[in-house]
Amino acid sequence: MSRSGLLTKKQAAEVFARLAKDRPDPRTELDYSDPFTLLVSVVLSAQATDVSVNKATPALFKAAPTPQKMADLGAEGIAPFIKTIGLWRMKAKNVAALSRTLIEEHNGEVPRDRDALQALPGVGRKTANVVLAEAFGEGTIAVDTHVFRVSNRIGLSKGKTPDQVEAHLMRLCPPEYLRGAHHWLILHGRYVCQARLPDCPACAVRDLCRFRGKTTPESPARPAASARGSLSVRTKPRAKKSAAAGAKTRKK
């Protein structure tokens, strides 16, 4: 381990090599057909499960598969399609607004540029990184709750913010693993390194991991992971949020 307490570059490379071997073809669990539908899906997935988004988007994308048709629907037309997703009112407004911006400023195309993406309504750095990596093959790492937790547990980061974790990961991750790093860490966090009770005996990197509270085969039974999960796993029903709290979810 390095003086900083992080894994060395050699150790980090071994972590990603093992995760890659475990899941050789990592992909997002959101359903999409092009950069636009991916962008909309990621915006809708903020503080919601991928399952809930995938249930809502087929009908939405059938009605509005392009920025122009989505803008024509407007927030009031989008809302009925996504009422089963958390924070649907704000998300309907953001999807309608970003669609108009794509038409007015980008000729109806999703830009391949982080700053341009983050300038879109409802799009923050995490969403921009997901779109850049998934739709355009850029070497970016989006940091969500799973990536944040797993990176700090394993020793890939000691960051206190998503930006700090992203910086550590970008420095330690070998170039050949950049495209898959985001997915490997998410899936590892979703199905193995779970928040409440990680499945350390099943972990491919347990001997490299710096987590001191490793579980054993004799540890209490773990909650079953769903076949398809969320970008932000919850163990309790979401409490109602105030308007001020909800406003914080506008950009992810």
C-alpha atoms as a PDB file:
ATOM      1  CA  MET A   1       0.000   0.000   0.000  1.00  0.00           C
ATOM      2  CA  SER A   2       1.211   3.518  -0.779  1.00  0.00           C
ATOM      3  CA  ARG A   3       2.013   6.153   1.839  1.00  0.00           C
ATOM      4  CA  SER A   4      -1.345   7.793   1.147  1.00  0.00           C
ATOM      5  CA  GLY A   5      -3.164   4.680   2.335  1.00  0.00           C
ATOM      6  CA  LEU A   6      -4.403   3.942  -1.178  1.00  0.00           C
ATOM      7  CA  LEU A   7      -3.614   0.834  -3.152  1.00  0.00           C
ATOM      8  CA  THR A   8      -0.565   1.167  -5.375  1.00  0.00           C
ATOM      9  CA  LYS A   9      -1.033   1.447  -9.123  1.00  0.00           C
ATOM     10  CA  LYS A  10       0.049  -2.174  -9.463  1.00  0.00           C
ATOM     11  CA  GLN A  11      -2.493  -3.300  -6.868  1.00  0.00           C
ATOM     12  CA  ALA A  12      -5.231  -1.158  -8.429  1.00  0.00           C
ATOM     13  CA  ALA A  13      -4.474  -2.666 -11.824  1.00  0.00           C
ATOM     14  CA  GLU A  14      -4.894  -6.122 -10.298  1.00  0.00           C
ATOM     15  CA  VAL A  15      -8.246  -5.089  -8.794  1.00  0.00           C
ATOM     16  CA  PHE A  16      -9.586  -3.987 -12.173  1.00  0.00           C
ATOM     17  CA  ALA A  17      -8.095  -7.037 -13.928  1.00  0.00           C
ATOM     18  CA  ARG A  18      -9.978  -9.349 -11.559  1.00  0.00           C
ATOM     19  CA  LEU A  19     -13.236  -7.416 -11.797  1.00  0.00           C
ATOM     20  CA  ALA A  20     -12.893  -7.498 -15.585  1.00  0.00           C
ATOM     21  CA  LYS A  21     -12.361 -11.249 -15.524  1.00  0.00           C
ATOM     22  CA  ASP A  22     -15.412 -11.639 -13.287  1.00  0.00           C
ATOM     23  CA  ARG A  23     -17.623  -9.542 -15.606  1.00  0.00           C
ATOM     24  CA  PRO A  24     -15.959  -9.402 -19.040  1.00  0.00           C
ATOM     25  CA  ASP A  25     -18.761  -7.485 -20.735  1.00  0.00           C
ATOM     26  CA  PRO A  26     -20.091  -4.902 -18.257  1.00  0.00           C
ATOM     27  CA  ARG A  27     -23.014  -2.778 -19.387  1.00  0.00           C
ATOM     28  CA  THR A  28     -25.470  -0.355 -17.938  1.00  0.00           C
ATOM     29  CA  GLU A  29     -28.686  -1.932 -16.722  1.00  0.00           C
ATOM     30  CA  LEU A  30     -30.713   0.921 -18.212  1.00  0.00           C
ATOM     31  CA  ASP A  31     -32.479   0.157 -21.479  1.00  0.00           C
ATOM     32  CA  TYR A  32     -31.765   2.611 -24.307  1.00  0.00           C
ATOM     33  CA  SER A  33     -31.315   2.686 -28.076  1.00  0.00           C
ATOM     34  CA  ASP A  34     -29.226   5.791 -28.782  1.00  0.00           C
ATOM     35  CA  PRO A  35     -27.436   8.648 -26.987  1.00  0.00           C
ATOM     36  CA  PHE A  36     -30.651  10.616 -26.526  1.00  0.00           C
ATOM     37  CA  THR A  37     -32.634   7.804 -24.927  1.00  0.00           C
ATOM     38  CA  LEU A  38     -29.593   6.986 -22.775  1.00  0.00           C
ATOM     39  CA  LEU A  39     -29.360  10.599 -21.627  1.00  0.00           C
ATOM     40  CA  VAL A  40     -33.041  10.706 -20.720  1.00  0.00           C
ATOM     41  CA  SER A  41     -32.845   7.362 -18.921  1.00  0.00           C
ATOM     42  CA  VAL A  42     -29.869   8.445 -16.824  1.00  0.00           C
ATOM     43  CA  VAL A  43     -31.612  11.710 -15.897  1.00  0.00           C
ATOM     44  CA  LEU A  44     -34.694   9.739 -14.856  1.00  0.00           C
ATOM     45  CA  SER A  45     -32.604   7.276 -12.821  1.00  0.00           C
ATOM     46  CA  ALA A  46     -31.475   9.869 -10.257  1.00  0.00           C
ATOM     47  CA  GLN A  47     -32.656   8.584  -6.860  1.00  0.00           C
ATOM     48  CA  ALA A  48     -34.684   5.872  -8.582  1.00  0.00           C
ATOM     49  CA  THR A  49     -34.107   2.255  -9.511  1.00  0.00           C
ATOM     50  CA  ASP A  50     -33.085   1.167 -12.982  1.00  0.00           C
ATOM     51  CA  VAL A  51     -36.008  -1.239 -12.834  1.00  0.00           C
ATOM     52  CA  SER A  52     -38.503   1.581 -12.351  1.00  0.00           C
ATOM     53  CA  VAL A  53     -36.947   3.577 -15.178  1.00  0.00           C
ATOM     54  CA  ASN A  54     -36.954   0.595 -17.556  1.00  0.00           C
ATOM     55  CA  LYS A  55     -40.645   0.018 -16.841  1.00  0.00           C
ATOM     56  CA  ALA A  56     -41.539   3.596 -17.710  1.00  0.00           C
ATOM     57  CA  THR A  57     -39.338   4.415 -20.691  1.00  0.00           C
ATOM     58  CA  PRO A  58     -40.606   2.001 -23.389  1.00  0.00           C
ATOM     59  CA  ALA A  59     -43.935   3.827 -23.646  1.00  0.00           C
ATOM     60  CA  LEU A  60     -42.249   7.229 -23.302  1.00  0.00           C
ATOM     61  CA  PHE A  61     -39.692   6.521 -26.028  1.00  0.00           C
ATOM     62  CA  LYS A  62     -42.368   5.083 -28.310  1.00  0.00           C
ATOM     63  CA  ALA A  63     -44.263   8.361 -28.028  1.00  0.00           C
ATOM     64  CA  ALA A  64     -41.172  10.577 -28.132  1.00  0.00           C
ATOM     65  CA  PRO A  65     -38.004   8.898 -29.490  1.00  0.00           C
ATOM     66  CA  THR A  66     -36.318  12.169 -30.501  1.00  0.00           C
ATOM     67  CA  PRO A  67     -35.570  15.516 -28.845  1.00  0.00           C
ATOM     68  CA  GLN A  68     -38.107  17.238 -31.094  1.00  0.00           C
ATOM     69  CA  LYS A  69     -40.929  14.877 -30.215  1.00  0.00           C
ATOM     70  CA  MET A  70     -39.992  15.003 -26.542  1.00  0.00           C
ATOM     71  CA  ALA A  71     -39.994  18.805 -26.615  1.00  0.00           C
ATOM     72  CA  ASP A  72     -43.370  18.711 -28.373  1.00  0.00           C
ATOM     73  CA  LEU A  73     -44.768  16.596 -25.528  1.00  0.00           C
ATOM     74  CA  GLY A  74     -43.571  19.135 -22.974  1.00  0.00           C
ATOM     75  CA  ALA A  75     -43.418  18.535 -19.254  1.00  0.00           C
ATOM     76  CA  GLU A  76     -47.188  17.985 -18.992  1.00  0.00           C
ATOM     77  CA  GLY A  77     -47.080  15.368 -21.748  1.00  0.00           C
ATOM     78  CA  ILE A  78     -44.033  13.594 -20.349  1.00  0.00           C
ATOM     79  CA  ALA A  79     -45.326  13.433 -16.783  1.00  0.00           C
ATOM     80  CA  PRO A  80     -47.981  10.703 -17.258  1.00  0.00           C
ATOM     81  CA  PHE A  81     -45.325   8.321 -18.603  1.00  0.00           C
ATOM     82  CA  ILE A  82     -42.994   8.685 -15.618  1.00  0.00           C
ATOM     83  CA  LYS A  83     -45.321   9.055 -12.614  1.00  0.00           C
ATOM     84  CA  THR A  84     -44.069   5.736 -11.234  1.00  0.00           C
ATOM     85  CA  ILE A  85     -40.535   7.180 -10.946  1.00  0.00           C
ATOM     86  CA  GLY A  86     -39.452   9.227  -7.943  1.00  0.00           C
ATOM     87  CA  LEU A  87     -39.340  13.027  -8.364  1.00  0.00           C
ATOM     88  CA  TRP A  88     -41.276  12.722 -11.606  1.00  0.00           C
ATOM     89  CA  ARG A  89     -42.517  16.314 -11.700  1.00  0.00           C
ATOM     90  CA  MET A  90     -39.033  17.821 -11.651  1.00  0.00           C
ATOM     91  CA  LYS A  91     -37.714  15.167 -14.020  1.00  0.00           C
ATOM     92  CA  ALA A  92     -40.501  15.817 -16.532  1.00  0.00           C
ATOM     93  CA  LYS A  93     -39.547  19.502 -16.566  1.00  0.00           C
ATOM     94  CA  ASN A  94     -35.852  18.694 -16.955  1.00  0.00           C
ATOM     95  CA  VAL A  95     -36.388  16.202 -19.796  1.00  0.00           C
ATOM     96  CA  ALA A  96     -38.579  18.677 -21.688  1.00  0.00           C
ATOM     97  CA  ALA A  97     -36.073  21.494 -21.118  1.00  0.00           C
ATOM     98  CA  LEU A  98     -32.991  19.484 -22.083  1.00  0.00           C
ATOM     99  CA  SER A  99     -34.769  18.338 -25.242  1.00  0.00           C
ATOM    100  CA  ARG A 100     -35.433  21.958 -26.211  1.00  0.00           C
ATOM    101  CA  THR A 101     -31.804  22.848 -25.491  1.00  0.00           C
ATOM    102  CA  LEU A 102     -30.571  19.999 -27.680  1.00  0.00           C
ATOM    103  CA  ILE A 103     -32.692  21.329 -30.549  1.00  0.00           C
ATOM    104  CA  GLU A 104     -31.777  24.982 -30.071  1.00  0.00           C
ATOM    105  CA  GLU A 105     -28.059  24.607 -29.343  1.00  0.00           C
ATOM    106  CA  HIS A 106     -26.937  21.210 -30.664  1.00  0.00           C
ATOM    107  CA  ASN A 107     -29.019  20.535 -33.789  1.00  0.00           C
ATOM    108  CA  GLY A 108     -30.982  17.870 -31.945  1.00  0.00           C
ATOM    109  CA  GLU A 109     -27.863  15.827 -31.150  1.00  0.00           C
ATOM    110  CA  VAL A 110     -26.453  14.823 -27.762  1.00  0.00           C
ATOM    111  CA  PRO A 111     -23.097  16.625 -27.479  1.00  0.00           C
ATOM    112  CA  ARG A 112     -19.906  14.638 -26.979  1.00  0.00           C
ATOM    113  CA  ASP A 113     -18.532  17.175 -24.537  1.00  0.00           C
ATOM    114  CA  ARG A 114     -18.721  17.216 -20.741  1.00  0.00           C
ATOM    115  CA  ASP A 115     -19.227  20.959 -20.351  1.00  0.00           C
ATOM    116  CA  ALA A 116     -21.981  20.991 -22.964  1.00  0.00           C
ATOM    117  CA  LEU A 117     -23.684  18.024 -21.328  1.00  0.00           C
ATOM    118  CA  GLN A 118     -23.494  19.564 -17.864  1.00  0.00           C
ATOM    119  CA  ALA A 119     -25.067  22.732 -19.212  1.00  0.00           C
ATOM    120  CA  LEU A 120     -28.227  20.757 -20.009  1.00  0.00           C
ATOM    121  CA  PRO A 121     -31.102  20.948 -17.482  1.00  0.00           C
ATOM    122  CA  GLY A 122     -30.947  18.097 -14.968  1.00  0.00           C
ATOM    123  CA  VAL A 123     -27.484  16.945 -16.027  1.00  0.00           C
ATOM    124  CA  GLY A 124     -24.590  16.951 -13.569  1.00  0.00           C
ATOM    125  CA  ARG A 125     -21.091  15.520 -13.762  1.00  0.00           C
ATOM    126  CA  LYS A 126     -22.151  11.953 -12.955  1.00  0.00           C
ATOM    127  CA  THR A 127     -24.781  11.865 -15.700  1.00  0.00           C
ATOM    128  CA  ALA A 128     -22.399  13.493 -18.176  1.00  0.00           C
ATOM    129  CA  ASN A 129     -19.734  10.889 -17.413  1.00  0.00           C
ATOM    130  CA  VAL A 130     -22.193   8.016 -17.851  1.00  0.00           C
ATOM    131  CA  VAL A 131     -23.272   9.332 -21.263  1.00  0.00           C
ATOM    132  CA  LEU A 132     -19.699   9.988 -22.391  1.00  0.00           C
ATOM    133  CA  ALA A 133     -18.577   6.501 -21.382  1.00  0.00           C
ATOM    134  CA  GLU A 134     -21.622   4.498 -22.455  1.00  0.00           C
ATOM    135  CA  ALA A 135     -22.699   6.321 -25.619  1.00  0.00           C
ATOM    136  CA  PHE A 136     -19.349   7.564 -26.910  1.00  0.00           C
ATOM    137  CA  GLY A 137     -16.780   5.206 -25.416  1.00  0.00           C
ATOM    138  CA  GLU A 138     -14.913   7.939 -23.575  1.00  0.00           C
ATOM    139  CA  GLY A 139     -12.579   6.971 -20.736  1.00  0.00           C
ATOM    140  CA  THR A 140     -14.584   8.533 -17.900  1.00  0.00           C
ATOM    141  CA  ILE A 141     -15.655   7.176 -14.516  1.00  0.00           C
ATOM    142  CA  ALA A 142     -19.013   8.274 -13.141  1.00  0.00           C
ATOM    143  CA  VAL A 143     -19.132   8.163  -9.351  1.00  0.00           C
ATOM    144  CA  ASP A 144     -22.467   7.112  -7.885  1.00  0.00           C
ATOM    145  CA  THR A 145     -23.201   5.740  -4.408  1.00  0.00           C
ATOM    146  CA  HIS A 146     -21.870   2.271  -5.250  1.00  0.00           C
ATOM    147  CA  VAL A 147     -18.673   3.522  -6.872  1.00  0.00           C
ATOM    148  CA  PHE A 148     -18.107   5.931  -3.973  1.00  0.00           C
ATOM    149  CA  ARG A 149     -18.577   3.234  -1.328  1.00  0.00           C
ATOM    150  CA  VAL A 150     -16.627   0.464  -3.062  1.00  0.00           C
ATOM    151  CA  SER A 151     -13.696   2.712  -3.972  1.00  0.00           C
ATOM    152  CA  ASN A 152     -13.284   3.894  -0.400  1.00  0.00           C
ATOM    153  CA  ARG A 153     -13.712   0.390   1.029  1.00  0.00           C
ATOM    154  CA  ILE A 154     -11.252  -1.318  -1.268  1.00  0.00           C
ATOM    155  CA  GLY A 155      -8.594   1.375  -1.022  1.00  0.00           C
ATOM    156  CA  LEU A 156      -8.882   2.856  -4.502  1.00  0.00           C
ATOM    157  CA  SER A 157      -9.759   6.188  -2.901  1.00  0.00           C
ATOM    158  CA  LYS A 158      -9.973   8.022   0.391  1.00  0.00           C
ATOM    159  CA  GLY A 159     -12.170  10.723  -1.124  1.00  0.00           C
ATOM    160  CA  LYS A 160     -14.840  12.548   0.822  1.00  0.00           C
ATOM    161  CA  THR A 161     -16.652  13.793  -2.293  1.00  0.00           C
ATOM    162  CA  PRO A 162     -17.534  12.189  -5.650  1.00  0.00           C
ATOM    163  CA  ASP A 163     -15.082  14.509  -7.424  1.00  0.00           C
ATOM    164  CA  GLN A 164     -12.236  13.425  -5.144  1.00  0.00           C
ATOM    165  CA  VAL A 165     -13.065   9.753  -5.689  1.00  0.00           C
ATOM    166  CA  GLU A 166     -13.215  10.302  -9.447  1.00  0.00           C
ATOM    167  CA  ALA A 167      -9.775  11.958  -9.386  1.00  0.00           C
ATOM    168  CA  HIS A 168      -8.279   9.042  -7.447  1.00  0.00           C
ATOM    169  CA  LEU A 169      -9.830   6.470  -9.778  1.00  0.00           C
ATOM    170  CA  MET A 170      -8.673   8.289 -12.895  1.00  0.00           C
ATOM    171  CA  ARG A 171      -5.141   8.315 -11.515  1.00  0.00           C
ATOM    172  CA  LEU A 172      -5.075   4.655 -10.454  1.00  0.00           C
ATOM    173  CA  CYS A 173      -7.115   2.946 -13.177  1.00  0.00           C
ATOM    174  CA  PRO A 174      -5.029   1.643 -16.109  1.00  0.00           C
ATOM    175  CA  PRO A 175      -6.139   3.100 -19.470  1.00  0.00           C
ATOM    176  CA  GLU A 176      -7.233  -0.286 -20.797  1.00  0.00           C
ATOM    177  CA  TYR A 177      -9.800  -0.595 -17.996  1.00  0.00           C
ATOM    178  CA  LEU A 178     -11.224   2.935 -18.031  1.00  0.00           C
ATOM    179  CA  ARG A 179     -14.228   2.159 -20.226  1.00  0.00           C
ATOM    180  CA  GLY A 180     -15.417  -0.644 -17.964  1.00  0.00           C
ATOM    181  CA  ALA A 181     -14.305   0.701 -14.560  1.00  0.00           C
ATOM    182  CA  HIS A 182     -17.566   2.515 -13.788  1.00  0.00           C
ATOM    183  CA  HIS A 183     -19.673  -0.558 -14.540  1.00  0.00           C
ATOM    184  CA  TRP A 184     -17.394  -3.002 -12.728  1.00  0.00           C
ATOM    185  CA  LEU A 185     -17.455  -0.929  -9.545  1.00  0.00           C
ATOM    186  CA  ILE A 186     -21.232  -0.380  -9.730  1.00  0.00           C
ATOM    187  CA  LEU A 187     -21.988  -4.061 -10.296  1.00  0.00           C
ATOM    188  CA  HIS A 188     -19.511  -5.113  -7.630  1.00  0.00           C
ATOM    189  CA  GLY A 189     -21.189  -2.744  -5.183  1.00  0.00           C
ATOM    190  CA  ARG A 190     -24.653  -3.798  -6.214  1.00  0.00           C
ATOM    191  CA  TYR A 191     -24.231  -7.550  -5.982  1.00  0.00           C
ATOM    192  CA  VAL A 192     -21.132  -8.275  -3.864  1.00  0.00           C
ATOM    193  CA  CYS A 193     -19.832  -5.302  -1.867  1.00  0.00           C
ATOM    194  CA  GLN A 194     -23.261  -4.280  -0.619  1.00  0.00           C
ATOM    195  CA  ALA A 195     -23.667  -1.411   1.799  1.00  0.00           C
ATOM    196  CA  ARG A 196     -25.099  -3.193   4.837  1.00  0.00           C
ATOM    197  CA  LEU A 197     -23.393  -6.549   4.619  1.00  0.00           C
ATOM    198  CA  PRO A 198     -20.752  -7.106   1.931  1.00  0.00           C
ATOM    199  CA  ASP A 199     -20.324 -10.649   0.624  1.00  0.00           C
ATOM    200  CA  CYS A 200     -16.589 -10.767   1.233  1.00  0.00           C
ATOM    201  CA  PRO A 201     -16.236 -14.559   0.795  1.00  0.00           C
ATOM    202  CA  ALA A 202     -17.506 -14.158  -2.799  1.00  0.00           C
ATOM    203  CA  CYS A 203     -15.315 -11.110  -3.514  1.00  0.00           C
ATOM    204  CA  ALA A 204     -12.689 -11.502  -6.233  1.00  0.00           C
ATOM    205  CA  VAL A 205     -10.461  -8.845  -4.664  1.00  0.00           C
ATOM    206  CA  ARG A 206     -10.856  -9.657  -0.970  1.00  0.00           C
ATOM    207  CA  ASP A 207      -7.112 -10.219  -0.459  1.00  0.00           C
ATOM    208  CA  LEU A 208      -6.338  -6.758  -1.856  1.00  0.00           C
ATOM    209  CA  CYS A 209      -9.230  -4.967  -0.167  1.00  0.00           C
ATOM    210  CA  ARG A 210      -8.392  -2.657   2.765  1.00  0.00           C
ATOM    211  CA  PHE A 211     -11.818  -2.972   4.416  1.00  0.00           C
ATOM    212  CA  ARG A 212     -11.338  -3.995   8.050  1.00  0.00           C
ATOM    213  CA  GLY A 213     -14.858  -5.278   8.626  1.00  0.00           C
ATOM    214  CA  LYS A 214     -14.711  -8.182   6.176  1.00  0.00           C
ATOM    215  CA  THR A 215     -17.491 -10.728   6.526  1.00  0.00           C
ATOM    216  CA  THR A 216     -16.972 -14.484   6.699  1.00  0.00           C
ATOM    217  CA  PRO A 217     -19.067 -17.492   5.667  1.00  0.00           C
ATOM    218  CA  GLU A 218     -20.316 -17.543   9.265  1.00  0.00           C
ATOM    219  CA  SER A 219     -21.556 -13.942   9.124  1.00  0.00           C
ATOM    220  CA  PRO A 220     -25.343 -13.289   9.387  1.00  0.00           C
ATOM    221  CA  ALA A 221     -27.405 -13.999   6.287  1.00  0.00           C
ATOM    222  CA  ARG A 222     -27.291 -11.288   3.669  1.00  0.00           C
ATOM    223  CA  PRO A 223     -30.333  -9.642   2.090  1.00  0.00           C
ATOM    224  CA  ALA A 224     -30.796 -11.042  -1.401  1.00  0.00           C
ATOM    225  CA  ALA A 225     -29.713  -8.763  -4.239  1.00  0.00           C
ATOM    226  CA  SER A 226     -32.264  -8.190  -6.962  1.00  0.00           C
ATOM    227  CA  ALA A 227     -31.461  -9.341 -10.466  1.00  0.00           C
ATOM    228  CA  ARG A 228     -31.441  -5.750 -11.617  1.00  0.00           C
ATOM    229  CA  GLY A 229     -30.721  -2.950  -9.195  1.00  0.00           C
ATOM    230  CA  SER A 230     -30.618   0.794  -8.865  1.00  0.00           C
ATOM    231  CA  LEU A 231     -27.959   3.405  -9.093  1.00  0.00           C
ATOM    232  CA  SER A 232     -28.776   4.179  -5.482  1.00  0.00           C
ATOM    233  CA  VAL A 233     -29.799   1.123  -3.469  1.00  0.00           C
ATOM    234  CA  ARG A 234     -32.233   1.657  -0.600  1.00  0.00           C
ATOM    235  CA  THR A 235     -33.126  -0.673   2.232  1.00  0.00           C
ATOM    236  CA  LYS A 236     -36.056   1.354   3.551  1.00  0.00           C
ATOM    237  CA  PRO A 237     -38.964   3.146   1.849  1.00  0.00           C
ATOM    238  CA  ARG A 238     -38.014   6.660   0.820  1.00  0.00           C
ATOM    239  CA  ALA A 239     -39.376   9.303   3.156  1.00  0.00           C
ATOM    240  CA  LYS A 240     -41.199  12.259   1.690  1.00  0.00           C
ATOM    241  CA  LYS A 241     -38.847  15.124   0.952  1.00  0.00           C
ATOM    242  CA  SER A 242     -39.309  18.802   1.340  1.00  0.00           C
ATOM    243  CA  ALA A 243     -39.215  21.028  -1.712  1.00  0.00           C
ATOM    244  CA  ALA A 244     -35.774  22.252  -0.656  1.00  0.00           C
ATOM    245  CA  ALA A 245     -34.437  18.727  -0.368  1.00  0.00           C
ATOM    246  CA  GLY A 246     -35.942  17.734  -3.701  1.00  0.00           C
ATOM    247  CA  ALA A 247     -34.232  20.639  -5.406  1.00  0.00           C
ATOM    248  CA  LYS A 248     -30.854  19.055  -4.683  1.00  0.00           C
ATOM    249  CA  THR A 249     -31.651  16.230  -7.102  1.00  0.00           C
ATOM    250  CA  ARG A 250     -31.962  18.473 -10.126  1.00  0.00           C
ATOM    251  CA  LYS A 251     -28.432  17.814 -11.280  1.00  0.00           C
ATOM    252  CA  LYS A 252     -26.742  14.467 -10.913  1.00  0.00           C
END
